[in-house]
Amino acid sequence: MISAAEALRRLQEGNRRFVAGQQELSTGVDESKRRELVEGQAPFAIILGCSDSRVPAELVFDQGLGDLFVIRVAGNVVAPSQIGSIEFAAECFGTPLVVVLGHSNCGAIQATLSELERPQENRSPNLRSIVDRIRPSVEPLLESVSEEDAKTLAARAGRANIRASANQLRHGSQILEQLVGKGELLIVGAEYSLESGKVDFFEGMPDGSAG
């Protein structure tokens, strides 16, 4: 398995190709690749991303079949099932990198901000479980950003939620915490821009690897 630094480099280079419209995706989805993967997989990165239809990780990072182990949930929140999925990939495949991938204009963030301003009695308990996981990272921001600056608040809330999810993975699982402590796993946070297509790796990055 490659190193976390090499995995990061692959994702960054793939995203640069995506932004430039120079994707190589077709080379990783042909029949021979499918046959090769029948016996097993060795994804080089784990992506915990939002379910938003505009942010498919394989396309955003220009990767093919078997390259990424992708978990998607609204708001890229962390719950036991997501932690278990990441533990599985990190332990079984030796995948060295986890990326918590949020994005601009996230509907789950907007729903959380709306809930904090005007609680909705009729929200389903399932949707509320997502909002409640985002709430702790977003609530403190309401005191520091003016009500008129909704766009700034939403942008800061999105990044705060990404940081919170990454930190929860680092410290909410004994298995992941041990892998991180031994230098066998790196967990970082990143945000995809719906406007530009660029992924900004901004949290937990090794020196010299941000971008």
C-alpha atoms as a PDB file:
ATOM      1  CA  MET A   1       0.000   0.000   0.000  1.00  0.00           C
ATOM      2  CA  ILE A   2       1.207   3.511  -0.759  1.00  0.00           C
ATOM      3  CA  SER A   3       1.876   6.123   1.926  1.00  0.00           C
ATOM      4  CA  ALA A   4      -0.648   8.713   3.091  1.00  0.00           C
ATOM      5  CA  ALA A   5       1.476  11.429   1.449  1.00  0.00           C
ATOM      6  CA  GLU A   6       1.350   9.628  -1.901  1.00  0.00           C
ATOM      7  CA  ALA A   7      -2.395   9.052  -1.529  1.00  0.00           C
ATOM      8  CA  LEU A   8      -2.877  12.778  -0.910  1.00  0.00           C
ATOM      9  CA  ARG A   9      -0.786  13.615  -3.945  1.00  0.00           C
ATOM     10  CA  ARG A  10      -2.908  11.331  -6.126  1.00  0.00           C
ATOM     11  CA  LEU A  11      -6.114  12.964  -4.949  1.00  0.00           C
ATOM     12  CA  GLN A  12      -4.740  16.478  -5.453  1.00  0.00           C
ATOM     13  CA  GLU A  13      -3.479  15.663  -8.936  1.00  0.00           C
ATOM     14  CA  GLY A  14      -6.778  13.989  -9.827  1.00  0.00           C
ATOM     15  CA  ASN A  15      -8.723  17.028  -8.695  1.00  0.00           C
ATOM     16  CA  ARG A  16      -6.477  19.306 -10.751  1.00  0.00           C
ATOM     17  CA  ARG A  17      -7.282  17.183 -13.820  1.00  0.00           C
ATOM     18  CA  PHE A  18     -10.994  17.377 -12.981  1.00  0.00           C
ATOM     19  CA  VAL A  19     -10.910  21.178 -12.675  1.00  0.00           C
ATOM     20  CA  ALA A  20      -8.984  21.451 -15.952  1.00  0.00           C
ATOM     21  CA  GLY A  21     -11.321  19.061 -17.781  1.00  0.00           C
ATOM     22  CA  GLN A  22      -8.484  16.602 -18.449  1.00  0.00           C
ATOM     23  CA  GLN A  23      -9.888  13.538 -16.704  1.00  0.00           C
ATOM     24  CA  GLU A  24      -8.327  10.109 -17.147  1.00  0.00           C
ATOM     25  CA  LEU A  25     -11.265   8.308 -15.555  1.00  0.00           C
ATOM     26  CA  SER A  26     -11.965   6.064 -18.570  1.00  0.00           C
ATOM     27  CA  THR A  27      -8.677   4.217 -17.988  1.00  0.00           C
ATOM     28  CA  GLY A  28      -9.911   2.917 -14.639  1.00  0.00           C
ATOM     29  CA  VAL A  29     -13.366   1.554 -15.479  1.00  0.00           C
ATOM     30  CA  ASP A  30     -12.834  -0.876 -18.372  1.00  0.00           C
ATOM     31  CA  GLU A  31     -13.642  -4.610 -18.443  1.00  0.00           C
ATOM     32  CA  SER A  32     -10.124  -5.732 -17.552  1.00  0.00           C
ATOM     33  CA  LYS A  33     -10.211  -3.558 -14.431  1.00  0.00           C
ATOM     34  CA  ARG A  34     -13.530  -5.089 -13.362  1.00  0.00           C
ATOM     35  CA  ARG A  35     -12.108  -8.603 -13.743  1.00  0.00           C
ATOM     36  CA  GLU A  36      -9.011  -7.633 -11.794  1.00  0.00           C
ATOM     37  CA  LEU A  37     -11.105  -6.448  -8.854  1.00  0.00           C
ATOM     38  CA  VAL A  38     -13.280  -9.567  -8.565  1.00  0.00           C
ATOM     39  CA  GLU A  39     -10.832 -11.199  -6.163  1.00  0.00           C
ATOM     40  CA  GLY A  40     -10.350  -8.183  -3.901  1.00  0.00           C
ATOM     41  CA  GLN A  41      -9.701  -4.485  -3.505  1.00  0.00           C
ATOM     42  CA  ALA A  42      -7.002  -2.151  -2.217  1.00  0.00           C
ATOM     43  CA  PRO A  43      -8.414   1.383  -2.153  1.00  0.00           C
ATOM     44  CA  PHE A  44      -5.708   3.972  -1.494  1.00  0.00           C
ATOM     45  CA  ALA A  45      -8.024   6.496   0.219  1.00  0.00           C
ATOM     46  CA  ILE A  46     -11.206   6.492   2.280  1.00  0.00           C
ATOM     47  CA  ILE A  47     -13.612   9.355   1.588  1.00  0.00           C
ATOM     48  CA  LEU A  48     -16.314  10.322   4.083  1.00  0.00           C
ATOM     49  CA  GLY A  49     -18.330  12.702   1.944  1.00  0.00           C
ATOM     50  CA  CYS A  50     -21.710  14.349   1.718  1.00  0.00           C
ATOM     51  CA  SER A  51     -24.487  12.584  -0.194  1.00  0.00           C
ATOM     52  CA  ASP A  52     -25.018  15.667  -2.377  1.00  0.00           C
ATOM     53  CA  SER A  53     -25.425  14.532  -5.995  1.00  0.00           C
ATOM     54  CA  ARG A  54     -23.057  17.274  -7.160  1.00  0.00           C
ATOM     55  CA  VAL A  55     -20.053  15.865  -5.286  1.00  0.00           C
ATOM     56  CA  PRO A  56     -19.298  12.294  -6.476  1.00  0.00           C
ATOM     57  CA  ALA A  57     -15.857  11.548  -5.056  1.00  0.00           C
ATOM     58  CA  GLU A  58     -14.610   9.337  -7.902  1.00  0.00           C
ATOM     59  CA  LEU A  59     -15.347  12.064 -10.453  1.00  0.00           C
ATOM     60  CA  VAL A  60     -14.095  14.963  -8.318  1.00  0.00           C
ATOM     61  CA  PHE A  61     -10.760  13.181  -7.782  1.00  0.00           C
ATOM     62  CA  ASP A  62     -10.672  11.534 -11.239  1.00  0.00           C
ATOM     63  CA  GLN A  63     -10.260   8.010  -9.891  1.00  0.00           C
ATOM     64  CA  GLY A  64     -11.463   4.660 -11.180  1.00  0.00           C
ATOM     65  CA  LEU A  65     -12.884   1.391  -9.908  1.00  0.00           C
ATOM     66  CA  GLY A  66     -11.236   0.129  -6.749  1.00  0.00           C
ATOM     67  CA  ASP A  67      -9.329   3.351  -6.024  1.00  0.00           C
ATOM     68  CA  LEU A  68     -11.532   4.907  -3.339  1.00  0.00           C
ATOM     69  CA  PHE A  69     -13.547   3.526  -0.428  1.00  0.00           C
ATOM     70  CA  VAL A  70     -16.426   5.996  -0.336  1.00  0.00           C
ATOM     71  CA  ILE A  71     -18.933   6.570   2.477  1.00  0.00           C
ATOM     72  CA  ARG A  72     -21.583   9.201   1.795  1.00  0.00           C
ATOM     73  CA  VAL A  73     -24.066  10.692   4.224  1.00  0.00           C
ATOM     74  CA  ALA A  74     -25.829  14.054   4.284  1.00  0.00           C
ATOM     75  CA  GLY A  75     -23.624  16.646   5.949  1.00  0.00           C
ATOM     76  CA  ASN A  76     -20.615  14.253   6.045  1.00  0.00           C
ATOM     77  CA  VAL A  77     -21.544  13.592   9.667  1.00  0.00           C
ATOM     78  CA  VAL A  78     -19.940  10.909  11.821  1.00  0.00           C
ATOM     79  CA  ALA A  79     -22.111   8.175  13.328  1.00  0.00           C
ATOM     80  CA  PRO A  80     -21.195   4.649  14.518  1.00  0.00           C
ATOM     81  CA  SER A  81     -21.913   3.099  11.116  1.00  0.00           C
ATOM     82  CA  GLN A  82     -19.544   5.529   9.394  1.00  0.00           C
ATOM     83  CA  ILE A  83     -16.817   4.927  11.985  1.00  0.00           C
ATOM     84  CA  GLY A  84     -17.238   1.173  11.586  1.00  0.00           C
ATOM     85  CA  SER A  85     -16.966   1.436   7.807  1.00  0.00           C
ATOM     86  CA  ILE A  86     -13.748   3.437   8.096  1.00  0.00           C
ATOM     87  CA  GLU A  87     -12.325   1.005  10.654  1.00  0.00           C
ATOM     88  CA  PHE A  88     -13.110  -1.849   8.274  1.00  0.00           C
ATOM     89  CA  ALA A  89     -11.285  -0.272   5.326  1.00  0.00           C
ATOM     90  CA  ALA A  90      -8.322   0.918   7.374  1.00  0.00           C
ATOM     91  CA  GLU A  91      -7.808  -2.463   9.037  1.00  0.00           C
ATOM     92  CA  CYS A  92      -8.713  -4.859   6.213  1.00  0.00           C
ATOM     93  CA  PHE A  93      -7.118  -3.013   3.302  1.00  0.00           C
ATOM     94  CA  GLY A  94      -4.428  -0.988   5.064  1.00  0.00           C
ATOM     95  CA  THR A  95      -5.775   2.198   3.468  1.00  0.00           C
ATOM     96  CA  PRO A  96      -3.545   5.006   4.794  1.00  0.00           C
ATOM     97  CA  LEU A  97      -5.704   8.097   4.253  1.00  0.00           C
ATOM     98  CA  VAL A  98      -9.148   9.294   5.321  1.00  0.00           C
ATOM     99  CA  VAL A  99     -10.592  12.479   3.803  1.00  0.00           C
ATOM    100  CA  VAL A 100     -13.654  14.108   5.342  1.00  0.00           C
ATOM    101  CA  LEU A 101     -15.039  15.859   2.260  1.00  0.00           C
ATOM    102  CA  GLY A 102     -17.578  18.633   2.717  1.00  0.00           C
ATOM    103  CA  HIS A 103     -18.672  21.150   0.122  1.00  0.00           C
ATOM    104  CA  SER A 104     -19.886  24.706  -0.334  1.00  0.00           C
ATOM    105  CA  ASN A 105     -23.606  25.485  -0.064  1.00  0.00           C
ATOM    106  CA  CYS A 106     -24.329  22.298   1.858  1.00  0.00           C
ATOM    107  CA  GLY A 107     -28.045  21.711   2.412  1.00  0.00           C
ATOM    108  CA  ALA A 108     -27.473  19.896   5.704  1.00  0.00           C
ATOM    109  CA  ILE A 109     -25.573  22.913   7.044  1.00  0.00           C
ATOM    110  CA  GLN A 110     -28.367  25.234   5.916  1.00  0.00           C
ATOM    111  CA  ALA A 111     -30.952  22.975   7.565  1.00  0.00           C
ATOM    112  CA  THR A 112     -28.983  23.077  10.823  1.00  0.00           C
ATOM    113  CA  LEU A 113     -28.698  26.863  10.750  1.00  0.00           C
ATOM    114  CA  SER A 114     -32.443  27.129  10.068  1.00  0.00           C
ATOM    115  CA  GLU A 115     -33.179  24.742  12.930  1.00  0.00           C
ATOM    116  CA  LEU A 116     -31.080  26.820  15.325  1.00  0.00           C
ATOM    117  CA  GLU A 117     -32.932  29.979  14.323  1.00  0.00           C
ATOM    118  CA  ARG A 118     -36.426  28.475  14.069  1.00  0.00           C
ATOM    119  CA  PRO A 119     -36.826  24.958  15.525  1.00  0.00           C
ATOM    120  CA  GLN A 120     -39.223  22.801  13.503  1.00  0.00           C
ATOM    121  CA  GLU A 121     -41.533  20.578  15.508  1.00  0.00           C
ATOM    122  CA  ASN A 122     -42.492  18.491  12.478  1.00  0.00           C
ATOM    123  CA  ARG A 123     -38.969  17.553  11.354  1.00  0.00           C
ATOM    124  CA  SER A 124     -38.616  13.773  11.088  1.00  0.00           C
ATOM    125  CA  PRO A 125     -36.490  12.142  13.822  1.00  0.00           C
ATOM    126  CA  ASN A 126     -34.200  10.730  11.142  1.00  0.00           C
ATOM    127  CA  LEU A 127     -33.456  14.128   9.633  1.00  0.00           C
ATOM    128  CA  ARG A 128     -33.137  15.578  13.108  1.00  0.00           C
ATOM    129  CA  SER A 129     -30.410  13.041  13.908  1.00  0.00           C
ATOM    130  CA  ILE A 130     -28.282  14.577  11.132  1.00  0.00           C
ATOM    131  CA  VAL A 131     -28.987  18.125  12.272  1.00  0.00           C
ATOM    132  CA  ASP A 132     -28.182  17.204  15.869  1.00  0.00           C
ATOM    133  CA  ARG A 133     -24.774  15.861  14.844  1.00  0.00           C
ATOM    134  CA  ILE A 134     -23.931  19.092  13.028  1.00  0.00           C
ATOM    135  CA  ARG A 135     -25.356  21.417  15.684  1.00  0.00           C
ATOM    136  CA  PRO A 136     -22.448  21.354  18.226  1.00  0.00           C
ATOM    137  CA  SER A 137     -19.901  22.620  15.685  1.00  0.00           C
ATOM    138  CA  VAL A 138     -22.213  25.270  14.248  1.00  0.00           C
ATOM    139  CA  GLU A 139     -23.994  26.681  17.304  1.00  0.00           C
ATOM    140  CA  PRO A 140     -21.010  28.667  18.694  1.00  0.00           C
ATOM    141  CA  LEU A 141     -20.676  30.536  15.391  1.00  0.00           C
ATOM    142  CA  LEU A 142     -24.064  32.193  15.793  1.00  0.00           C
ATOM    143  CA  GLU A 143     -22.590  34.370  18.517  1.00  0.00           C
ATOM    144  CA  SER A 144     -19.689  35.642  16.393  1.00  0.00           C
ATOM    145  CA  VAL A 145     -21.236  36.312  12.960  1.00  0.00           C
ATOM    146  CA  SER A 146     -23.898  38.955  12.409  1.00  0.00           C
ATOM    147  CA  GLU A 147     -27.342  37.839  11.354  1.00  0.00           C
ATOM    148  CA  GLU A 148     -27.066  39.840   8.123  1.00  0.00           C
ATOM    149  CA  ASP A 149     -23.964  37.944   6.994  1.00  0.00           C
ATOM    150  CA  ALA A 150     -25.685  34.653   6.238  1.00  0.00           C
ATOM    151  CA  LYS A 151     -23.283  33.639   3.471  1.00  0.00           C
ATOM    152  CA  THR A 152     -20.232  34.026   5.699  1.00  0.00           C
ATOM    153  CA  LEU A 153     -21.971  32.135   8.484  1.00  0.00           C
ATOM    154  CA  ALA A 154     -22.829  29.224   6.192  1.00  0.00           C
ATOM    155  CA  ALA A 155     -19.265  29.051   4.852  1.00  0.00           C
ATOM    156  CA  ARG A 156     -17.738  29.069   8.336  1.00  0.00           C
ATOM    157  CA  ALA A 157     -20.295  26.527   9.554  1.00  0.00           C
ATOM    158  CA  GLY A 158     -19.434  24.158   6.728  1.00  0.00           C
ATOM    159  CA  ARG A 159     -15.738  24.210   7.581  1.00  0.00           C
ATOM    160  CA  ALA A 160     -16.433  23.912  11.301  1.00  0.00           C
ATOM    161  CA  ASN A 161     -18.491  20.799  10.618  1.00  0.00           C
ATOM    162  CA  ILE A 162     -15.700  19.262   8.519  1.00  0.00           C
ATOM    163  CA  ARG A 163     -13.179  19.912  11.317  1.00  0.00           C
ATOM    164  CA  ALA A 164     -15.536  18.427  13.893  1.00  0.00           C
ATOM    165  CA  SER A 165     -16.074  15.264  11.833  1.00  0.00           C
ATOM    166  CA  ALA A 166     -12.338  14.799  11.270  1.00  0.00           C
ATOM    167  CA  ASN A 167     -11.628  15.258  14.980  1.00  0.00           C
ATOM    168  CA  GLN A 168     -14.379  12.838  15.918  1.00  0.00           C
ATOM    169  CA  LEU A 169     -12.784  10.184  13.697  1.00  0.00           C
ATOM    170  CA  ARG A 170      -9.373  10.810  15.265  1.00  0.00           C
ATOM    171  CA  HIS A 171     -10.664  10.541  18.831  1.00  0.00           C
ATOM    172  CA  GLY A 172     -13.942   8.591  18.626  1.00  0.00           C
ATOM    173  CA  SER A 173     -12.486   5.211  17.753  1.00  0.00           C
ATOM    174  CA  GLN A 174      -9.758   3.325  19.586  1.00  0.00           C
ATOM    175  CA  ILE A 175      -8.840   1.507  16.371  1.00  0.00           C
ATOM    176  CA  LEU A 176      -8.452   4.686  14.314  1.00  0.00           C
ATOM    177  CA  GLU A 177      -6.704   6.507  17.147  1.00  0.00           C
ATOM    178  CA  GLN A 178      -4.123   3.719  17.412  1.00  0.00           C
ATOM    179  CA  LEU A 179      -3.533   3.697  13.647  1.00  0.00           C
ATOM    180  CA  VAL A 180      -3.059   7.473  13.661  1.00  0.00           C
ATOM    181  CA  GLY A 181      -0.715   7.224  16.654  1.00  0.00           C
ATOM    182  CA  LYS A 182       1.438   4.637  14.864  1.00  0.00           C
ATOM    183  CA  GLY A 183       1.628   6.803  11.757  1.00  0.00           C
ATOM    184  CA  GLU A 184      -0.317   4.273   9.703  1.00  0.00           C
ATOM    185  CA  LEU A 185      -3.340   6.488   9.085  1.00  0.00           C
ATOM    186  CA  LEU A 186      -3.795  10.169   8.281  1.00  0.00           C
ATOM    187  CA  ILE A 187      -7.178  11.873   8.668  1.00  0.00           C
ATOM    188  CA  VAL A 188      -7.672  15.219   6.932  1.00  0.00           C
ATOM    189  CA  GLY A 189     -10.515  17.601   6.173  1.00  0.00           C
ATOM    190  CA  ALA A 190     -11.284  19.093   2.766  1.00  0.00           C
ATOM    191  CA  GLU A 191     -13.965  21.185   1.093  1.00  0.00           C
ATOM    192  CA  TYR A 192     -15.199  20.967  -2.487  1.00  0.00           C
ATOM    193  CA  SER A 193     -16.242  24.185  -4.210  1.00  0.00           C
ATOM    194  CA  LEU A 194     -19.416  23.736  -6.246  1.00  0.00           C
ATOM    195  CA  GLU A 195     -18.457  26.885  -8.132  1.00  0.00           C
ATOM    196  CA  SER A 196     -14.906  26.012  -9.196  1.00  0.00           C
ATOM    197  CA  GLY A 197     -14.715  22.231  -8.789  1.00  0.00           C
ATOM    198  CA  LYS A 198     -11.580  22.634  -6.677  1.00  0.00           C
ATOM    199  CA  VAL A 199     -11.014  20.666  -3.477  1.00  0.00           C
ATOM    200  CA  ASP A 200      -9.273  22.637  -0.740  1.00  0.00           C
ATOM    201  CA  PHE A 201      -7.467  20.393   1.743  1.00  0.00           C
ATOM    202  CA  PHE A 202      -7.338  22.619   4.804  1.00  0.00           C
ATOM    203  CA  GLU A 203      -7.445  20.567   8.015  1.00  0.00           C
ATOM    204  CA  GLY A 204      -4.972  18.121   9.525  1.00  0.00           C
ATOM    205  CA  MET A 205      -2.597  18.337   6.579  1.00  0.00           C
ATOM    206  CA  PRO A 206       1.089  17.457   6.861  1.00  0.00           C
ATOM    207  CA  ASP A 207       3.458  20.391   6.413  1.00  0.00           C
ATOM    208  CA  GLY A 208       3.813  21.333   2.778  1.00  0.00           C
ATOM    209  CA  SER A 209       0.849  19.229   1.587  1.00  0.00           C
ATOM    210  CA  ALA A 210      -2.049  21.693   1.850  1.00  0.00           C
ATOM    211  CA  GLY A 211      -3.877  22.740  -1.271  1.00  0.00           C
END
